[in-house]
């Protein structure tokens, strides 16, 4: 797995292909989230965020049924200025508010590094909307803007 470092807030780098998982199913989408305005970053930061490959329904919401069929393709890359990229997977687990929790899992052997989303199953991943993800390091929720959504073409 490659590791990249970022030193600028200028551009959110692309999510690279994951050859070991094969071609992504046609119903998958690539979603780029960038840090929204906050006290530390009054203009937000495009150098801090996530790229998520996930199944979305017609309303832009995460599709749990399709996730079960495509879970091996549901990947996440966390990019953060000055830090190494972190690669993980999007996971849907039973429990939590509303009966289920969507989270980012970086290592299967521990829950210490998991980053749950705040009601991710009810939010639409539509450009301009906002979602919150809890940072595993300091347990605070950060708000991210959905800055780009595109269909992942089969074979990409």
N, C-alpha and C. Protein backbone atom coordinates (compact mmCIF):
# COMPACT_ATOMS: atom_id res chain seq x y z
N UNK A 1 0.85 -1.16 0.00
CA UNK A 1 0.00 0.00 0.00
C UNK A 1 0.90 1.23 0.00
N UNK A 2 0.68 2.16 -0.90
CA UNK A 2 1.52 3.33 -0.97
C UNK A 2 1.14 4.34 0.10
N UNK A 3 2.13 5.13 0.51
CA UNK A 3 1.92 6.17 1.50
C UNK A 3 2.32 7.48 0.86
N UNK A 4 1.47 8.48 1.00
CA UNK A 4 1.76 9.79 0.44
C UNK A 4 1.71 10.81 1.55
N UNK A 5 2.48 11.90 1.39
CA UNK A 5 2.45 13.00 2.35
C UNK A 5 1.95 14.23 1.61
N UNK A 6 1.26 15.09 2.33
CA UNK A 6 0.73 16.30 1.73
C UNK A 6 1.17 17.48 2.54
N UNK A 7 1.61 18.54 1.85
CA UNK A 7 2.09 19.71 2.55
C UNK A 7 1.36 20.97 2.16
N UNK A 8 0.26 20.87 1.44
CA UNK A 8 -0.45 22.05 0.97
C UNK A 8 -1.95 21.84 1.08
N UNK A 9 -2.66 22.94 1.28
CA UNK A 9 -4.12 22.88 1.30
C UNK A 9 -4.69 23.10 -0.09
N UNK A 10 -3.87 23.09 -1.12
CA UNK A 10 -4.29 23.50 -2.45
C UNK A 10 -5.21 22.50 -3.16
N UNK A 11 -4.84 21.24 -3.20
CA UNK A 11 -5.59 20.28 -4.02
C UNK A 11 -5.77 18.97 -3.27
N UNK A 12 -6.95 18.41 -3.35
CA UNK A 12 -7.20 17.09 -2.79
C UNK A 12 -6.74 16.07 -3.81
N UNK A 13 -5.70 15.28 -3.47
CA UNK A 13 -5.17 14.33 -4.44
C UNK A 13 -6.14 13.20 -4.74
N UNK A 14 -6.01 12.59 -5.93
CA UNK A 14 -6.95 11.54 -6.34
C UNK A 14 -6.76 10.25 -5.56
N UNK A 15 -7.85 9.52 -5.45
CA UNK A 15 -7.82 8.20 -4.83
C UNK A 15 -7.33 7.23 -5.88
N UNK A 16 -6.25 6.53 -5.58
CA UNK A 16 -5.68 5.62 -6.56
C UNK A 16 -6.46 4.33 -6.66
N UNK A 17 -6.29 3.60 -7.75
CA UNK A 17 -6.98 2.33 -7.92
C UNK A 17 -6.47 1.31 -6.91
N UNK A 18 -7.28 0.34 -6.58
CA UNK A 18 -6.92 -0.72 -5.66
C UNK A 18 -6.92 -2.02 -6.46
N UNK A 19 -5.81 -2.33 -7.14
CA UNK A 19 -5.80 -3.47 -8.04
C UNK A 19 -6.14 -4.79 -7.37
N UNK A 20 -5.84 -4.95 -6.08
CA UNK A 20 -6.12 -6.22 -5.44
C UNK A 20 -7.61 -6.49 -5.27
N UNK A 21 -8.48 -5.49 -5.43
CA UNK A 21 -9.91 -5.70 -5.28
C UNK A 21 -10.61 -5.85 -6.63
N UNK A 22 -9.90 -5.68 -7.72
CA UNK A 22 -10.51 -5.83 -9.03
C UNK A 22 -11.32 -4.62 -9.43
N UNK A 23 -12.10 -4.77 -10.46
CA UNK A 23 -12.89 -3.66 -10.99
C UNK A 23 -14.06 -3.34 -10.07
N UNK A 24 -14.35 -2.06 -9.93
CA UNK A 24 -15.46 -1.63 -9.08
C UNK A 24 -16.79 -1.84 -9.79
N UNK A 25 -17.82 -2.21 -9.05
CA UNK A 25 -19.14 -2.38 -9.66
C UNK A 25 -19.66 -1.05 -10.20
N UNK A 26 -20.55 -1.12 -11.18
CA UNK A 26 -21.05 0.07 -11.86
C UNK A 26 -21.83 1.01 -10.96
N UNK A 27 -22.43 0.53 -9.86
CA UNK A 27 -23.27 1.36 -9.00
C UNK A 27 -22.47 2.10 -7.92
N UNK A 28 -21.17 2.10 -8.03
CA UNK A 28 -20.32 2.73 -7.03
C UNK A 28 -20.02 4.18 -7.41
N UNK A 29 -19.79 4.99 -6.37
CA UNK A 29 -19.48 6.40 -6.55
C UNK A 29 -18.23 6.76 -5.77
N UNK A 30 -17.48 7.74 -6.28
CA UNK A 30 -16.33 8.30 -5.58
C UNK A 30 -16.78 9.63 -5.01
N UNK A 31 -16.70 9.76 -3.70
CA UNK A 31 -17.14 10.96 -3.00
C UNK A 31 -15.92 11.61 -2.36
N UNK A 32 -15.71 12.90 -2.63
CA UNK A 32 -14.63 13.63 -1.99
C UNK A 32 -15.23 14.57 -0.95
N UNK A 33 -14.75 14.42 0.28
CA UNK A 33 -15.16 15.29 1.39
C UNK A 33 -13.97 16.15 1.76
N UNK A 34 -14.18 17.45 1.92
CA UNK A 34 -13.11 18.33 2.37
C UNK A 34 -13.56 19.05 3.64
N UNK A 35 -12.60 19.36 4.48
CA UNK A 35 -12.89 19.99 5.77
C UNK A 35 -13.66 21.29 5.56
N UNK A 36 -14.79 21.41 6.26
CA UNK A 36 -15.61 22.62 6.18
C UNK A 36 -15.03 23.69 7.10
N UNK A 37 -15.62 24.87 7.04
CA UNK A 37 -15.17 25.96 7.90
C UNK A 37 -15.23 25.53 9.36
N UNK A 38 -14.21 25.92 10.11
CA UNK A 38 -14.14 25.65 11.54
C UNK A 38 -13.20 26.69 12.14
N UNK A 39 -13.13 26.80 13.45
CA UNK A 39 -12.27 27.83 14.05
C UNK A 39 -10.81 27.76 13.58
N UNK A 40 -10.27 26.54 13.42
CA UNK A 40 -8.88 26.40 12.99
C UNK A 40 -8.68 26.71 11.51
N UNK A 41 -9.74 26.56 10.72
CA UNK A 41 -9.67 26.78 9.27
C UNK A 41 -10.92 27.54 8.83
N UNK A 42 -10.91 28.88 8.99
CA UNK A 42 -12.11 29.68 8.70
C UNK A 42 -12.61 29.57 7.26
N UNK A 43 -11.74 29.18 6.34
CA UNK A 43 -12.15 29.00 4.94
C UNK A 43 -12.29 27.52 4.58
N UNK A 44 -12.19 26.65 5.56
CA UNK A 44 -12.18 25.23 5.28
C UNK A 44 -10.80 24.82 4.79
N UNK A 45 -10.65 23.59 4.33
CA UNK A 45 -9.37 23.13 3.82
C UNK A 45 -9.57 21.98 2.83
N UNK A 46 -9.17 22.22 1.59
CA UNK A 46 -9.25 21.15 0.59
C UNK A 46 -8.11 20.16 0.74
N UNK A 47 -7.14 20.46 1.59
CA UNK A 47 -6.02 19.56 1.84
C UNK A 47 -6.28 18.60 2.99
N UNK A 48 -7.50 18.65 3.52
CA UNK A 48 -7.87 17.79 4.64
C UNK A 48 -9.23 17.16 4.32
N UNK A 49 -9.26 15.86 4.26
CA UNK A 49 -10.55 15.23 3.95
C UNK A 49 -10.44 13.75 3.68
N UNK A 50 -11.45 13.28 2.98
CA UNK A 50 -11.58 11.86 2.68
C UNK A 50 -12.03 11.69 1.23
N UNK A 51 -11.59 10.60 0.63
CA UNK A 51 -12.17 10.14 -0.62
C UNK A 51 -12.73 8.76 -0.32
N UNK A 52 -13.99 8.61 -0.63
CA UNK A 52 -14.72 7.39 -0.29
C UNK A 52 -15.31 6.79 -1.56
N UNK A 53 -15.11 5.51 -1.76
CA UNK A 53 -15.78 4.78 -2.83
C UNK A 53 -16.87 3.97 -2.16
N UNK A 54 -18.13 4.26 -2.52
CA UNK A 54 -19.27 3.66 -1.83
C UNK A 54 -20.48 3.56 -2.74
N UNK A 55 -21.40 2.64 -2.43
CA UNK A 55 -22.65 2.55 -3.19
C UNK A 55 -23.63 3.61 -2.68
N UNK A 56 -24.17 4.39 -3.59
CA UNK A 56 -25.16 5.40 -3.25
C UNK A 56 -26.46 5.10 -3.97
N UNK A 57 -27.56 5.31 -3.26
CA UNK A 57 -28.87 5.17 -3.88
C UNK A 57 -29.19 6.38 -4.73
N UNK A 58 -30.33 6.40 -5.41
CA UNK A 58 -30.71 7.51 -6.27
C UNK A 58 -30.83 8.84 -5.52
N UNK A 59 -31.05 8.76 -4.21
CA UNK A 59 -31.17 9.97 -3.40
C UNK A 59 -29.81 10.45 -2.87
N UNK A 60 -28.73 9.75 -3.20
CA UNK A 60 -27.40 10.13 -2.75
C UNK A 60 -27.02 9.57 -1.40
N UNK A 61 -27.90 8.77 -0.81
CA UNK A 61 -27.61 8.18 0.50
C UNK A 61 -26.89 6.84 0.34
N UNK A 62 -26.10 6.50 1.37
CA UNK A 62 -25.43 5.21 1.37
C UNK A 62 -26.47 4.09 1.29
N UNK A 63 -26.20 3.11 0.47
CA UNK A 63 -27.13 2.00 0.25
C UNK A 63 -26.59 0.76 0.96
N UNK A 64 -27.17 0.43 2.14
CA UNK A 64 -26.68 -0.69 2.95
C UNK A 64 -26.81 -2.03 2.24
N UNK A 65 -27.91 -2.23 1.51
CA UNK A 65 -28.11 -3.50 0.80
C UNK A 65 -27.03 -3.69 -0.27
N UNK A 66 -26.77 -2.64 -1.03
CA UNK A 66 -25.74 -2.73 -2.07
C UNK A 66 -24.35 -2.82 -1.43
N UNK A 67 -24.16 -2.17 -0.28
CA UNK A 67 -22.87 -2.28 0.41
C UNK A 67 -22.57 -3.74 0.72
N UNK A 68 -23.56 -4.50 1.17
CA UNK A 68 -23.34 -5.91 1.50
C UNK A 68 -22.81 -6.68 0.28
N UNK A 69 -23.25 -6.29 -0.90
CA UNK A 69 -22.81 -6.96 -2.13
C UNK A 69 -21.45 -6.47 -2.62
N UNK A 70 -21.08 -5.26 -2.23
CA UNK A 70 -19.89 -4.63 -2.79
C UNK A 70 -18.85 -4.23 -1.75
N UNK A 71 -18.99 -4.74 -0.53
CA UNK A 71 -18.15 -4.27 0.58
C UNK A 71 -16.65 -4.32 0.28
N UNK A 72 -16.20 -5.27 -0.53
CA UNK A 72 -14.76 -5.33 -0.85
C UNK A 72 -14.30 -4.15 -1.68
N UNK A 73 -15.21 -3.44 -2.29
CA UNK A 73 -14.88 -2.29 -3.13
C UNK A 73 -15.05 -0.95 -2.40
N UNK A 74 -15.58 -0.99 -1.20
CA UNK A 74 -15.88 0.24 -0.44
C UNK A 74 -14.64 0.69 0.31
N UNK A 75 -13.89 1.56 -0.31
CA UNK A 75 -12.60 2.01 0.20
C UNK A 75 -12.63 3.47 0.59
N UNK A 76 -11.71 3.81 1.52
CA UNK A 76 -11.60 5.18 2.00
C UNK A 76 -10.12 5.56 2.03
N UNK A 77 -9.85 6.79 1.63
CA UNK A 77 -8.50 7.36 1.79
C UNK A 77 -8.66 8.66 2.55
N UNK A 78 -7.98 8.76 3.67
CA UNK A 78 -7.98 9.99 4.45
C UNK A 78 -6.71 10.75 4.06
N UNK A 79 -6.87 11.97 3.62
CA UNK A 79 -5.71 12.81 3.28
C UNK A 79 -5.73 14.02 4.21
N UNK A 80 -4.56 14.35 4.73
CA UNK A 80 -4.46 15.41 5.71
C UNK A 80 -3.11 16.08 5.52
N UNK A 81 -3.10 17.38 5.31
CA UNK A 81 -1.86 18.11 5.08
C UNK A 81 -0.83 17.77 6.16
N UNK A 82 0.38 17.43 5.72
CA UNK A 82 1.47 17.16 6.65
C UNK A 82 1.46 15.77 7.26
N UNK A 83 0.47 14.96 6.91
CA UNK A 83 0.39 13.60 7.45
C UNK A 83 0.35 12.59 6.31
N UNK A 84 0.72 11.38 6.62
CA UNK A 84 0.62 10.31 5.63
C UNK A 84 -0.84 10.00 5.36
N UNK A 85 -1.15 9.66 4.13
CA UNK A 85 -2.49 9.19 3.80
C UNK A 85 -2.77 7.93 4.59
N UNK A 86 -4.03 7.79 4.99
CA UNK A 86 -4.47 6.57 5.65
C UNK A 86 -5.48 5.89 4.74
N UNK A 87 -5.33 4.59 4.56
CA UNK A 87 -6.23 3.83 3.69
C UNK A 87 -7.02 2.85 4.55
N UNK A 88 -8.32 2.83 4.32
CA UNK A 88 -9.18 1.93 5.07
C UNK A 88 -10.37 1.51 4.23
N UNK A 89 -11.40 1.06 4.93
CA UNK A 89 -12.59 0.62 4.22
C UNK A 89 -13.81 1.19 4.92
N UNK A 90 -14.87 1.34 4.15
CA UNK A 90 -16.15 1.80 4.67
C UNK A 90 -16.89 0.58 5.21
N UNK A 91 -17.35 0.68 6.46
CA UNK A 91 -17.98 -0.46 7.13
C UNK A 91 -19.35 -0.05 7.65
N UNK A 92 -20.29 -0.98 7.57
CA UNK A 92 -21.64 -0.79 8.11
C UNK A 92 -21.81 -1.82 9.21
N UNK A 93 -22.02 -1.34 10.45
CA UNK A 93 -22.14 -2.25 11.59
C UNK A 93 -23.47 -2.06 12.28
N UNK A 94 -23.99 -3.14 12.81
CA UNK A 94 -25.22 -3.08 13.60
C UNK A 94 -24.94 -2.32 14.89
N UNK A 95 -25.99 -1.69 15.42
CA UNK A 95 -25.87 -0.95 16.67
C UNK A 95 -25.72 0.54 16.42
N UNK A 96 -25.70 1.29 17.47
CA UNK A 96 -25.59 2.74 17.36
C UNK A 96 -26.96 3.36 17.17
N UNK A 97 -26.99 4.68 17.09
CA UNK A 97 -28.26 5.38 16.91
C UNK A 97 -28.87 4.99 15.57
N UNK A 98 -30.17 4.75 15.57
CA UNK A 98 -30.85 4.37 14.35
C UNK A 98 -30.66 2.91 13.98
N UNK A 99 -29.97 2.13 14.82
CA UNK A 99 -29.82 0.70 14.58
C UNK A 99 -28.59 0.29 13.81
N UNK A 100 -27.84 1.24 13.26
CA UNK A 100 -26.63 0.89 12.51
C UNK A 100 -25.67 2.08 12.49
N UNK A 101 -24.41 1.77 12.30
CA UNK A 101 -23.37 2.79 12.25
C UNK A 101 -22.52 2.58 11.01
N UNK A 102 -22.27 3.65 10.28
CA UNK A 102 -21.30 3.64 9.19
C UNK A 102 -20.01 4.18 9.77
N UNK A 103 -18.90 3.53 9.46
CA UNK A 103 -17.62 4.02 9.95
C UNK A 103 -16.50 3.67 9.00
N UNK A 104 -15.37 4.31 9.25
CA UNK A 104 -14.15 4.04 8.50
C UNK A 104 -13.28 3.17 9.39
N UNK A 105 -12.87 2.04 8.86
CA UNK A 105 -12.05 1.09 9.61
C UNK A 105 -10.70 1.00 8.92
N UNK A 106 -9.64 1.35 9.66
CA UNK A 106 -8.29 1.32 9.09
C UNK A 106 -7.56 0.02 9.37
N UNK A 107 -7.90 -0.66 10.47
CA UNK A 107 -7.24 -1.91 10.83
C UNK A 107 -8.27 -2.87 11.41
N UNK A 108 -8.38 -4.06 10.82
CA UNK A 108 -9.38 -5.04 11.23
C UNK A 108 -9.20 -5.53 12.67
N UNK A 109 -7.99 -5.54 13.16
CA UNK A 109 -7.71 -6.14 14.46
C UNK A 109 -8.01 -5.23 15.65
N UNK A 110 -8.41 -3.99 15.41
CA UNK A 110 -8.70 -3.09 16.52
C UNK A 110 -9.82 -2.13 16.17
N UNK A 111 -10.54 -1.67 17.18
CA UNK A 111 -11.56 -0.63 17.00
C UNK A 111 -11.02 0.73 17.41
N UNK A 112 -9.78 0.77 17.90
CA UNK A 112 -9.18 2.01 18.39
C UNK A 112 -9.03 3.06 17.29
N UNK A 113 -8.89 2.64 16.05
CA UNK A 113 -8.64 3.59 14.96
C UNK A 113 -9.90 3.88 14.13
N UNK A 114 -11.04 3.30 14.51
CA UNK A 114 -12.27 3.49 13.75
C UNK A 114 -12.73 4.95 13.82
N UNK A 115 -13.26 5.44 12.71
CA UNK A 115 -13.79 6.80 12.65
C UNK A 115 -15.25 6.73 12.22
N UNK A 116 -16.17 6.78 13.18
CA UNK A 116 -17.59 6.71 12.82
C UNK A 116 -18.11 8.03 12.28
N UNK A 117 -19.08 7.91 11.40
CA UNK A 117 -19.76 9.10 10.90
C UNK A 117 -20.97 9.40 11.75
N UNK A 118 -21.38 10.64 11.76
CA UNK A 118 -22.56 11.03 12.52
C UNK A 118 -23.77 10.90 11.61
N UNK A 119 -24.60 9.89 11.84
CA UNK A 119 -25.80 9.63 11.04
C UNK A 119 -25.49 9.60 9.53
N UNK A 120 -24.37 8.98 9.16
CA UNK A 120 -24.00 8.95 7.73
C UNK A 120 -25.07 8.29 6.87
N UNK A 121 -25.81 7.35 7.42
CA UNK A 121 -26.84 6.67 6.65
C UNK A 121 -28.02 7.55 6.28
N UNK A 122 -28.18 8.67 6.98
CA UNK A 122 -29.33 9.55 6.70
C UNK A 122 -28.94 10.78 5.88
N UNK A 123 -27.65 10.99 5.67
CA UNK A 123 -27.20 12.18 4.92
C UNK A 123 -27.03 11.85 3.45
N UNK A 124 -27.39 12.80 2.62
CA UNK A 124 -27.20 12.64 1.17
C UNK A 124 -25.80 13.09 0.79
N UNK A 125 -25.09 12.26 0.06
CA UNK A 125 -23.77 12.61 -0.44
C UNK A 125 -23.96 13.32 -1.79
N UNK A 126 -24.34 14.57 -1.68
CA UNK A 126 -24.63 15.44 -2.82
C UNK A 126 -23.72 16.65 -2.69
N UNK A 127 -23.10 17.08 -3.78
CA UNK A 127 -22.19 18.22 -3.73
C UNK A 127 -22.84 19.40 -3.02
N UNK A 128 -22.09 19.97 -2.07
CA UNK A 128 -22.55 21.11 -1.31
C UNK A 128 -23.15 20.75 0.04
N UNK A 129 -23.51 19.48 0.25
CA UNK A 129 -24.05 19.05 1.54
C UNK A 129 -22.90 18.82 2.52
N UNK A 130 -23.25 18.57 3.78
CA UNK A 130 -22.26 18.40 4.84
C UNK A 130 -22.48 17.11 5.58
N UNK A 131 -21.38 16.49 6.04
CA UNK A 131 -21.42 15.30 6.88
C UNK A 131 -20.37 15.47 7.98
N UNK A 132 -20.53 14.73 9.08
CA UNK A 132 -19.56 14.79 10.17
C UNK A 132 -18.97 13.43 10.42
N UNK A 133 -17.67 13.42 10.71
CA UNK A 133 -16.94 12.19 11.00
C UNK A 133 -16.13 12.43 12.27
N UNK A 134 -16.15 11.45 13.16
CA UNK A 134 -15.41 11.58 14.42
C UNK A 134 -13.99 11.09 14.23
N UNK A 135 -13.04 11.94 14.56
CA UNK A 135 -11.63 11.61 14.47
C UNK A 135 -11.26 10.62 15.56
N UNK A 136 -10.60 9.53 15.19
CA UNK A 136 -10.22 8.52 16.17
C UNK A 136 -9.17 9.05 17.14
N UNK A 137 -8.35 9.99 16.70
CA UNK A 137 -7.27 10.50 17.53
C UNK A 137 -7.72 11.34 18.71
N UNK A 138 -8.70 12.21 18.49
CA UNK A 138 -9.10 13.08 19.60
C UNK A 138 -10.60 13.02 19.91
N UNK A 139 -11.31 12.09 19.26
CA UNK A 139 -12.72 11.84 19.57
C UNK A 139 -13.66 13.02 19.27
N UNK A 140 -13.20 14.00 18.49
CA UNK A 140 -14.08 15.12 18.15
C UNK A 140 -14.66 14.91 16.77
N UNK A 141 -15.88 15.38 16.60
CA UNK A 141 -16.49 15.34 15.27
C UNK A 141 -16.04 16.55 14.48
N UNK A 142 -15.70 16.31 13.22
CA UNK A 142 -15.36 17.40 12.30
C UNK A 142 -16.39 17.37 11.17
N UNK A 143 -16.71 18.56 10.69
CA UNK A 143 -17.67 18.66 9.61
C UNK A 143 -16.94 18.77 8.28
N UNK A 144 -17.44 18.03 7.30
CA UNK A 144 -16.84 18.01 5.97
C UNK A 144 -17.91 18.35 4.94
N UNK A 145 -17.48 19.05 3.91
CA UNK A 145 -18.36 19.41 2.80
C UNK A 145 -18.19 18.37 1.71
N UNK A 146 -19.29 17.94 1.12
CA UNK A 146 -19.21 17.04 -0.04
C UNK A 146 -18.81 17.92 -1.22
N UNK A 147 -17.56 17.80 -1.63
CA UNK A 147 -17.05 18.69 -2.68
C UNK A 147 -17.13 18.10 -4.08
N UNK A 148 -17.22 16.77 -4.16
CA UNK A 148 -17.30 16.16 -5.50
C UNK A 148 -17.89 14.76 -5.38
N UNK A 149 -18.75 14.40 -6.31
CA UNK A 149 -19.30 13.05 -6.40
C UNK A 149 -19.25 12.64 -7.86
N UNK A 150 -18.69 11.47 -8.13
CA UNK A 150 -18.66 10.97 -9.51
C UNK A 150 -18.85 9.46 -9.50
N UNK A 151 -19.45 8.98 -10.56
CA UNK A 151 -19.68 7.54 -10.70
C UNK A 151 -18.34 6.87 -10.99
N UNK A 152 -18.12 5.72 -10.36
CA UNK A 152 -16.92 4.94 -10.63
C UNK A 152 -17.26 3.99 -11.76
N UNK A 153 -16.59 4.16 -12.86
CA UNK A 153 -16.85 3.33 -14.03
C UNK A 153 -16.33 1.92 -13.80
N UNK A 154 -17.02 0.94 -14.28
CA UNK A 154 -16.58 -0.45 -14.19
C UNK A 154 -15.20 -0.56 -14.83
N UNK A 155 -14.29 -1.24 -14.13
CA UNK A 155 -12.94 -1.40 -14.65
C UNK A 155 -12.01 -0.29 -14.24
N UNK A 156 -12.54 0.77 -13.57
CA UNK A 156 -11.68 1.89 -13.16
C UNK A 156 -11.00 1.59 -11.85
